[in-house]
Amino acid sequence: MKIAFIGLGNMGGGMAANLVKAGHEVNAFDLSEAALAQARENGCAPFTDAKQAVQGVDAVVTMLPNGKIVDGVYSGDVVGQAPAGAI
């Protein structure tokens, strides 16, 4: 399964890495360059643009620090780039 993972902080980075270990292909997005570098080391494909990260995936997972940011992702144009049924 190809999964976009948005939010690679304390919880998200480890979860994305575990998805890779389980055999999934993970497109990883975070605002932090350090988090993206760690994601690359863990086998994820790092993206600096969330809209690009969600294109062509089977599922989108978010692990974000607060409701305002979550709302911004799910009500903004990022979700509109994901295939139907991926959310």
PDB file of N, CA and C in Angstrom:
ATOM      1  N   MET A   1       0.851  -1.172   0.000  1.00  0.00           N
ATOM      2  CA  MET A   1       0.000   0.000   0.000  1.00  0.00           C
ATOM      3  C   MET A   1       0.895   1.233   0.000  1.00  0.00           C
ATOM      4  N   LYS A   2       0.492   2.248  -0.745  1.00  0.00           N
ATOM      5  CA  LYS A   2       1.216   3.519  -0.775  1.00  0.00           C
ATOM      6  C   LYS A   2       0.486   4.508   0.126  1.00  0.00           C
ATOM      7  N   ILE A   3       1.203   5.052   1.106  1.00  0.00           N
ATOM      8  CA  ILE A   3       0.605   5.895   2.139  1.00  0.00           C
ATOM      9  C   ILE A   3       1.323   7.236   2.194  1.00  0.00           C
ATOM     10  N   ALA A   4       0.554   8.318   2.279  1.00  0.00           N
ATOM     11  CA  ALA A   4       1.122   9.635   2.566  1.00  0.00           C
ATOM     12  C   ALA A   4       1.016   9.852   4.066  1.00  0.00           C
ATOM     13  N   PHE A   5       2.109  10.250   4.674  1.00  0.00           N
ATOM     14  CA  PHE A   5       2.128  10.503   6.116  1.00  0.00           C
ATOM     15  C   PHE A   5       2.498  11.961   6.314  1.00  0.00           C
ATOM     16  N   ILE A   6       1.574  12.731   6.882  1.00  0.00           N
ATOM     17  CA  ILE A   6       1.770  14.162   7.096  1.00  0.00           C
ATOM     18  C   ILE A   6       1.945  14.411   8.587  1.00  0.00           C
ATOM     19  N   GLY A   7       3.126  14.858   8.965  1.00  0.00           N
ATOM     20  CA  GLY A   7       3.440  15.121  10.371  1.00  0.00           C
ATOM     21  C   GLY A   7       4.397  14.076  10.903  1.00  0.00           C
ATOM     22  N   LEU A   8       5.670  14.424  10.999  1.00  0.00           N
ATOM     23  CA  LEU A   8       6.715  13.474  11.365  1.00  0.00           C
ATOM     24  C   LEU A   8       7.381  13.824  12.685  1.00  0.00           C
ATOM     25  N   GLY A   9       6.612  14.328  13.616  1.00  0.00           N
ATOM     26  CA  GLY A   9       7.147  14.706  14.924  1.00  0.00           C
ATOM     27  C   GLY A   9       7.436  13.502  15.796  1.00  0.00           C
ATOM     28  N   ASN A  10       7.323  13.669  17.099  1.00  0.00           N
ATOM     29  CA  ASN A  10       7.660  12.613  18.055  1.00  0.00           C
ATOM     30  C   ASN A  10       6.922  11.312  17.786  1.00  0.00           C
ATOM     31  N   MET A  11       5.672  11.375  17.450  1.00  0.00           N
ATOM     32  CA  MET A  11       4.896  10.160  17.177  1.00  0.00           C
ATOM     33  C   MET A  11       4.903   9.797  15.697  1.00  0.00           C
ATOM     34  N   GLY A  12       4.708  10.784  14.841  1.00  0.00           N
ATOM     35  CA  GLY A  12       4.551  10.524  13.417  1.00  0.00           C
ATOM     36  C   GLY A  12       5.773   9.928  12.751  1.00  0.00           C
ATOM     37  N   GLY A  13       6.953  10.392  13.127  1.00  0.00           N
ATOM     38  CA  GLY A  13       8.168   9.863  12.510  1.00  0.00           C
ATOM     39  C   GLY A  13       8.328   8.370  12.740  1.00  0.00           C
ATOM     40  N   GLY A  14       8.106   7.944  13.966  1.00  0.00           N
ATOM     41  CA  GLY A  14       8.198   6.522  14.286  1.00  0.00           C
ATOM     42  C   GLY A  14       7.113   5.696  13.621  1.00  0.00           C
ATOM     43  N   MET A  15       5.916   6.254  13.553  1.00  0.00           N
ATOM     44  CA  MET A  15       4.818   5.535  12.906  1.00  0.00           C
ATOM     45  C   MET A  15       5.092   5.359  11.415  1.00  0.00           C
ATOM     46  N   ALA A  16       5.588   6.406  10.760  1.00  0.00           N
ATOM     47  CA  ALA A  16       5.919   6.312   9.336  1.00  0.00           C
ATOM     48  C   ALA A  16       7.011   5.265   9.115  1.00  0.00           C
ATOM     49  N   ALA A  17       8.024   5.260   9.975  1.00  0.00           N
ATOM     50  CA  ALA A  17       9.106   4.272   9.866  1.00  0.00           C
ATOM     51  C   ALA A  17       8.574   2.856  10.027  1.00  0.00           C
ATOM     52  N   ASN A  18       7.649   2.650  10.955  1.00  0.00           N
ATOM     53  CA  ASN A  18       7.067   1.320  11.153  1.00  0.00           C
ATOM     54  C   ASN A  18       6.247   0.875   9.954  1.00  0.00           C
ATOM     55  N   LEU A  19       5.591   1.811   9.280  1.00  0.00           N
ATOM     56  CA  LEU A  19       4.851   1.460   8.063  1.00  0.00           C
ATOM     57  C   LEU A  19       5.807   0.971   6.977  1.00  0.00           C
ATOM     58  N   VAL A  20       6.963   1.615   6.861  1.00  0.00           N
ATOM     59  CA  VAL A  20       7.977   1.166   5.898  1.00  0.00           C
ATOM     60  C   VAL A  20       8.464  -0.229   6.271  1.00  0.00           C
ATOM     61  N   LYS A  21       8.743  -0.458   7.553  1.00  0.00           N
ATOM     62  CA  LYS A  21       9.207  -1.774   8.014  1.00  0.00           C
ATOM     63  C   LYS A  21       8.184  -2.861   7.726  1.00  0.00           C
ATOM     64  N   ALA A  22       6.898  -2.479   7.716  1.00  0.00           N
ATOM     65  CA  ALA A  22       5.827  -3.442   7.450  1.00  0.00           C
ATOM     66  C   ALA A  22       5.621  -3.663   5.948  1.00  0.00           C
ATOM     67  N   GLY A  23       6.440  -2.993   5.124  1.00  0.00           N
ATOM     68  CA  GLY A  23       6.383  -3.229   3.688  1.00  0.00           C
ATOM     69  C   GLY A  23       5.605  -2.211   2.875  1.00  0.00           C
ATOM     70  N   HIS A  24       5.174  -1.132   3.506  1.00  0.00           N
ATOM     71  CA  HIS A  24       4.425  -0.102   2.791  1.00  0.00           C
ATOM     72  C   HIS A  24       5.369   0.938   2.199  1.00  0.00           C
ATOM     73  N   GLU A  25       4.919   1.564   1.127  1.00  0.00           N
ATOM     74  CA  GLU A  25       5.640   2.688   0.527  1.00  0.00           C
ATOM     75  C   GLU A  25       5.077   3.954   1.158  1.00  0.00           C
ATOM     76  N   VAL A  26       5.933   4.793   1.744  1.00  0.00           N
ATOM     77  CA  VAL A  26       5.466   5.962   2.487  1.00  0.00           C
ATOM     78  C   VAL A  26       6.026   7.251   1.890  1.00  0.00           C
ATOM     79  N   ASN A  27       5.108   8.137   1.500  1.00  0.00           N
ATOM     80  CA  ASN A  27       5.450   9.507   1.132  1.00  0.00           C
ATOM     81  C   ASN A  27       5.349  10.326   2.409  1.00  0.00           C
ATOM     82  N   ALA A  28       6.436  10.929   2.832  1.00  0.00           N
ATOM     83  CA  ALA A  28       6.470  11.631   4.112  1.00  0.00           C
ATOM     84  C   ALA A  28       6.564  13.139   3.911  1.00  0.00           C
ATOM     85  N   PHE A  29       5.750  13.884   4.671  1.00  0.00           N
ATOM     86  CA  PHE A  29       5.793  15.343   4.625  1.00  0.00           C
ATOM     87  C   PHE A  29       5.882  15.909   6.031  1.00  0.00           C
ATOM     88  N   ASP A  30       6.738  16.919   6.188  1.00  0.00           N
ATOM     89  CA  ASP A  30       6.826  17.695   7.416  1.00  0.00           C
ATOM     90  C   ASP A  30       7.467  19.030   7.061  1.00  0.00           C
ATOM     91  N   LEU A  31       7.221  20.033   7.879  1.00  0.00           N
ATOM     92  CA  LEU A  31       7.850  21.335   7.667  1.00  0.00           C
ATOM     93  C   LEU A  31       9.315  21.333   8.096  1.00  0.00           C
ATOM     94  N   SER A  32       9.684  20.398   8.951  1.00  0.00           N
ATOM     95  CA  SER A  32      11.041  20.320   9.491  1.00  0.00           C
ATOM     96  C   SER A  32      11.972  19.557   8.544  1.00  0.00           C
ATOM     97  N   GLU A  33      13.062  20.202   8.149  1.00  0.00           N
ATOM     98  CA  GLU A  33      14.056  19.533   7.306  1.00  0.00           C
ATOM     99  C   GLU A  33      14.700  18.360   8.035  1.00  0.00           C
ATOM    100  N   ALA A  34      14.905  18.500   9.337  1.00  0.00           N
ATOM    101  CA  ALA A  34      15.499  17.416  10.121  1.00  0.00           C
ATOM    102  C   ALA A  34      14.580  16.195  10.145  1.00  0.00           C
ATOM    103  N   ALA A  35      13.283  16.426  10.291  1.00  0.00           N
ATOM    104  CA  ALA A  35      12.322  15.317  10.292  1.00  0.00           C
ATOM    105  C   ALA A  35      12.298  14.626   8.933  1.00  0.00           C
ATOM    106  N   LEU A  36      12.389  15.406   7.860  1.00  0.00           N
ATOM    107  CA  LEU A  36      12.416  14.814   6.520  1.00  0.00           C
ATOM    108  C   LEU A  36      13.697  14.016   6.289  1.00  0.00           C
ATOM    109  N   ALA A  37      14.814  14.510   6.800  1.00  0.00           N
ATOM    110  CA  ALA A  37      16.078  13.778   6.672  1.00  0.00           C
ATOM    111  C   ALA A  37      16.002  12.444   7.405  1.00  0.00           C
ATOM    112  N   GLN A  38      15.414  12.436   8.598  1.00  0.00           N
ATOM    113  CA  GLN A  38      15.249  11.195   9.356  1.00  0.00           C
ATOM    114  C   GLN A  38      14.304  10.248   8.626  1.00  0.00           C
ATOM    115  N   ALA A  39      13.240  10.786   8.050  1.00  0.00           N
ATOM    116  CA  ALA A  39      12.300   9.958   7.296  1.00  0.00           C
ATOM    117  C   ALA A  39      13.004   9.279   6.125  1.00  0.00           C
ATOM    118  N   ARG A  40      13.861  10.027   5.433  1.00  0.00           N
ATOM    119  CA  ARG A  40      14.625   9.443   4.319  1.00  0.00           C
ATOM    120  C   ARG A  40      15.498   8.290   4.833  1.00  0.00           C
ATOM    121  N   GLU A  41      16.179   8.497   5.960  1.00  0.00           N
ATOM    122  CA  GLU A  41      17.016   7.439   6.542  1.00  0.00           C
ATOM    123  C   GLU A  41      16.189   6.214   6.904  1.00  0.00           C
ATOM    124  N   ASN A  42      14.923   6.433   7.256  1.00  0.00           N
ATOM    125  CA  ASN A  42      14.029   5.336   7.646  1.00  0.00           C
ATOM    126  C   ASN A  42      13.357   4.669   6.452  1.00  0.00           C
ATOM    127  N   GLY A  43      13.659   5.134   5.236  1.00  0.00           N
ATOM    128  CA  GLY A  43      13.122   4.489   4.046  1.00  0.00           C
ATOM    129  C   GLY A  43      11.903   5.145   3.437  1.00  0.00           C
ATOM    130  N   CYS A  44      11.495   6.275   3.980  1.00  0.00           N
ATOM    131  CA  CYS A  44      10.362   7.017   3.415  1.00  0.00           C
ATOM    132  C   CYS A  44      10.840   7.873   2.249  1.00  0.00           C
ATOM    133  N   ALA A  45       9.909   8.235   1.380  1.00  0.00           N
ATOM    134  CA  ALA A  45      10.186   9.204   0.324  1.00  0.00           C
ATOM    135  C   ALA A  45       9.803  10.574   0.869  1.00  0.00           C
ATOM    136  N   PRO A  46      10.773  11.457   1.115  1.00  0.00           N
ATOM    137  CA  PRO A  46      10.458  12.757   1.710  1.00  0.00           C
ATOM    138  C   PRO A  46       9.910  13.750   0.681  1.00  0.00           C
ATOM    139  N   PHE A  47       8.934  14.529   1.111  1.00  0.00           N
ATOM    140  CA  PHE A  47       8.332  15.561   0.268  1.00  0.00           C
ATOM    141  C   PHE A  47       8.326  16.876   1.029  1.00  0.00           C
ATOM    142  N   THR A  48       8.634  17.959   0.329  1.00  0.00           N
ATOM    143  CA  THR A  48       8.578  19.290   0.936  1.00  0.00           C
ATOM    144  C   THR A  48       7.268  19.990   0.614  1.00  0.00           C
ATOM    145  N   ASP A  49       6.400  19.323  -0.137  1.00  0.00           N
ATOM    146  CA  ASP A  49       5.094  19.870  -0.505  1.00  0.00           C
ATOM    147  C   ASP A  49       4.032  18.811  -0.201  1.00  0.00           C
ATOM    148  N   ALA A  50       3.140  19.098   0.726  1.00  0.00           N
ATOM    149  CA  ALA A  50       2.115  18.121   1.124  1.00  0.00           C
ATOM    150  C   ALA A  50       1.201  17.761  -0.036  1.00  0.00           C
ATOM    151  N   LYS A  51       0.903  18.716  -0.903  1.00  0.00           N
ATOM    152  CA  LYS A  51       0.034  18.439  -2.050  1.00  0.00           C
ATOM    153  C   LYS A  51       0.651  17.388  -2.965  1.00  0.00           C
ATOM    154  N   GLN A  52       1.949  17.424  -3.118  1.00  0.00           N
ATOM    155  CA  GLN A  52       2.621  16.417  -3.937  1.00  0.00           C
ATOM    156  C   GLN A  52       2.686  15.079  -3.209  1.00  0.00           C
ATOM    157  N   ALA A  53       2.859  15.108  -1.909  1.00  0.00           N
ATOM    158  CA  ALA A  53       2.978  13.871  -1.129  1.00  0.00           C
ATOM    159  C   ALA A  53       1.720  13.019  -1.199  1.00  0.00           C
ATOM    160  N   VAL A  54       0.556  13.638  -1.313  1.00  0.00           N
ATOM    161  CA  VAL A  54      -0.696  12.877  -1.284  1.00  0.00           C
ATOM    162  C   VAL A  54      -1.144  12.391  -2.658  1.00  0.00           C
ATOM    163  N   GLN A  55      -0.495  12.822  -3.705  1.00  0.00           N
ATOM    164  CA  GLN A  55      -0.910  12.418  -5.049  1.00  0.00           C
ATOM    165  C   GLN A  55      -0.599  10.950  -5.303  1.00  0.00           C
ATOM    166  N   GLY A  56      -1.588  10.217  -5.767  1.00  0.00           N
ATOM    167  CA  GLY A  56      -1.408   8.826  -6.151  1.00  0.00           C
ATOM    168  C   GLY A  56      -1.277   7.830  -5.017  1.00  0.00           C
ATOM    169  N   VAL A  57      -1.663   8.207  -3.803  1.00  0.00           N
ATOM    170  CA  VAL A  57      -1.550   7.280  -2.674  1.00  0.00           C
ATOM    171  C   VAL A  57      -2.868   6.541  -2.436  1.00  0.00           C
ATOM    172  N   ASP A  58      -2.785   5.469  -1.663  1.00  0.00           N
ATOM    173  CA  ASP A  58      -3.974   4.703  -1.288  1.00  0.00           C
ATOM    174  C   ASP A  58      -4.608   5.232  -0.014  1.00  0.00           C
ATOM    175  N   ALA A  59      -3.800   5.862   0.839  1.00  0.00           N
ATOM    176  CA  ALA A  59      -4.302   6.360   2.121  1.00  0.00           C
ATOM    177  C   ALA A  59      -3.472   7.561   2.563  1.00  0.00           C
ATOM    178  N   VAL A  60      -4.116   8.451   3.318  1.00  0.00           N
ATOM    179  CA  VAL A  60      -3.437   9.604   3.902  1.00  0.00           C
ATOM    180  C   VAL A  60      -3.575   9.513   5.416  1.00  0.00           C
ATOM    181  N   VAL A  61      -2.445   9.617   6.114  1.00  0.00           N
ATOM    182  CA  VAL A  61      -2.422   9.606   7.576  1.00  0.00           C
ATOM    183  C   VAL A  61      -1.846  10.938   8.037  1.00  0.00           C
ATOM    184  N   THR A  62      -2.471  11.530   9.043  1.00  0.00           N
ATOM    185  CA  THR A  62      -1.915  12.748   9.628  1.00  0.00           C
ATOM    186  C   THR A  62      -1.634  12.519  11.107  1.00  0.00           C
ATOM    187  N   MET A  63      -0.531  13.092  11.572  1.00  0.00           N
ATOM    188  CA  MET A  63      -0.170  13.068  12.985  1.00  0.00           C
ATOM    189  C   MET A  63       0.342  14.471  13.290  1.00  0.00           C
ATOM    190  N   LEU A  64      -0.601  15.342  13.598  1.00  0.00           N
ATOM    191  CA  LEU A  64      -0.318  16.774  13.718  1.00  0.00           C
ATOM    192  C   LEU A  64      -0.567  17.271  15.137  1.00  0.00           C
ATOM    193  N   PRO A  65       0.084  18.384  15.533  1.00  0.00           N
ATOM    194  CA  PRO A  65       0.083  18.795  16.938  1.00  0.00           C
ATOM    195  C   PRO A  65      -1.171  19.460  17.472  1.00  0.00           C
ATOM    196  N   ASN A  66      -2.041  19.960  16.605  1.00  0.00           N
ATOM    197  CA  ASN A  66      -3.253  20.585  17.150  1.00  0.00           C
ATOM    198  C   ASN A  66      -4.366  20.633  16.112  1.00  0.00           C
ATOM    199  N   GLY A  67      -5.563  20.859  16.596  1.00  0.00           N
ATOM    200  CA  GLY A  67      -6.749  20.835  15.753  1.00  0.00           C
ATOM    201  C   GLY A  67      -6.750  21.868  14.649  1.00  0.00           C
ATOM    202  N   LYS A  68      -6.182  23.016  14.901  1.00  0.00           N
ATOM    203  CA  LYS A  68      -6.157  24.065  13.883  1.00  0.00           C
ATOM    204  C   LYS A  68      -5.350  23.616  12.662  1.00  0.00           C
ATOM    205  N   ILE A  69      -4.236  22.968  12.906  1.00  0.00           N
ATOM    206  CA  ILE A  69      -3.412  22.474  11.803  1.00  0.00           C
ATOM    207  C   ILE A  69      -4.119  21.329  11.082  1.00  0.00           C
ATOM    208  N   VAL A  70      -4.722  20.424  11.839  1.00  0.00           N
ATOM    209  CA  VAL A  70      -5.473  19.323  11.238  1.00  0.00           C
ATOM    210  C   VAL A  70      -6.588  19.873  10.354  1.00  0.00           C
ATOM    211  N   ASP A  71      -7.332  20.838  10.872  1.00  0.00           N
ATOM    212  CA  ASP A  71      -8.411  21.450  10.101  1.00  0.00           C
ATOM    213  C   ASP A  71      -7.872  22.078   8.820  1.00  0.00           C
ATOM    214  N   GLY A  72      -6.717  22.710   8.907  1.00  0.00           N
ATOM    215  CA  GLY A  72      -6.115  23.315   7.726  1.00  0.00           C
ATOM    216  C   GLY A  72      -5.792  22.299   6.650  1.00  0.00           C
ATOM    217  N   VAL A  73      -5.350  21.116   7.055  1.00  0.00           N
ATOM    218  CA  VAL A  73      -5.036  20.062   6.090  1.00  0.00           C
ATOM    219  C   VAL A  73      -6.313  19.495   5.478  1.00  0.00           C
ATOM    220  N   TYR A  74      -7.286  19.167   6.329  1.00  0.00           N
ATOM    221  CA  TYR A  74      -8.477  18.496   5.827  1.00  0.00           C
ATOM    222  C   TYR A  74      -9.480  19.422   5.162  1.00  0.00           C
ATOM    223  N   SER A  75      -9.422  20.706   5.431  1.00  0.00           N
ATOM    224  CA  SER A  75     -10.352  21.618   4.767  1.00  0.00           C
ATOM    225  C   SER A  75      -9.658  22.410   3.662  1.00  0.00           C
ATOM    226  N   GLY A  76      -8.362  22.266   3.538  1.00  0.00           N
ATOM    227  CA  GLY A  76      -7.607  23.004   2.533  1.00  0.00           C
ATOM    228  C   GLY A  76      -7.435  22.221   1.251  1.00  0.00           C
ATOM    229  N   ASP A  77      -6.578  22.728   0.411  1.00  0.00           N
ATOM    230  CA  ASP A  77      -6.397  22.115  -0.897  1.00  0.00           C
ATOM    231  C   ASP A  77      -5.473  20.899  -0.888  1.00  0.00           C
ATOM    232  N   VAL A  78      -4.852  20.585   0.242  1.00  0.00           N
ATOM    233  CA  VAL A  78      -4.003  19.395   0.313  1.00  0.00           C
ATOM    234  C   VAL A  78      -4.842  18.147   0.079  1.00  0.00           C
ATOM    235  N   VAL A  79      -5.938  18.037   0.785  1.00  0.00           N
ATOM    236  CA  VAL A  79      -6.798  16.862   0.669  1.00  0.00           C
ATOM    237  C   VAL A  79      -7.373  16.744  -0.740  1.00  0.00           C
ATOM    238  N   GLY A  80      -7.640  17.865  -1.365  1.00  0.00           N
ATOM    239  CA  GLY A  80      -8.176  17.840  -2.722  1.00  0.00           C
ATOM    240  C   GLY A  80      -7.240  17.204  -3.733  1.00  0.00           C
ATOM    241  N   GLN A  81      -5.968  17.103  -3.415  1.00  0.00           N
ATOM    242  CA  GLN A  81      -4.992  16.478  -4.307  1.00  0.00           C
ATOM    243  C   GLN A  81      -4.946  14.959  -4.143  1.00  0.00           C
ATOM    244  N   ALA A  82      -5.499  14.452  -3.057  1.00  0.00           N
ATOM    245  CA  ALA A  82      -5.474  13.008  -2.800  1.00  0.00           C
ATOM    246  C   ALA A  82      -6.539  12.308  -3.640  1.00  0.00           C
ATOM    247  N   PRO A  83      -6.273  11.080  -4.050  1.00  0.00           N
ATOM    248  CA  PRO A  83      -7.274  10.323  -4.793  1.00  0.00           C
ATOM    249  C   PRO A  83      -8.532  10.083  -3.956  1.00  0.00           C
ATOM    250  N   ALA A  84      -9.661   9.927  -4.621  1.00  0.00           N
ATOM    251  CA  ALA A  84     -10.924   9.634  -3.938  1.00  0.00           C
ATOM    252  C   ALA A  84     -10.759   8.374  -3.091  1.00  0.00           C
ATOM    253  N   GLY A  85     -11.240   8.422  -1.863  1.00  0.00           N
ATOM    254  CA  GLY A  85     -11.180   7.280  -0.968  1.00  0.00           C
ATOM    255  C   GLY A  85      -9.891   7.164  -0.169  1.00  0.00           C
ATOM    256  N   ALA A  86      -8.916   8.040  -0.419  1.00  0.00           N
ATOM    257  CA  ALA A  86      -7.636   7.949   0.292  1.00  0.00           C
ATOM    258  C   ALA A  86      -7.702   8.554   1.683  1.00  0.00           C
ATOM    259  N   ILE A  87      -8.710   9.359   1.955  1.00  0.00           N
ATOM    260  CA  ILE A  87      -8.827  10.021   3.252  1.00  0.00           C
ATOM    261  C   ILE A  87      -9.742   9.201   4.143  1.00  0.00           C
TER     262      ILE A  87
END
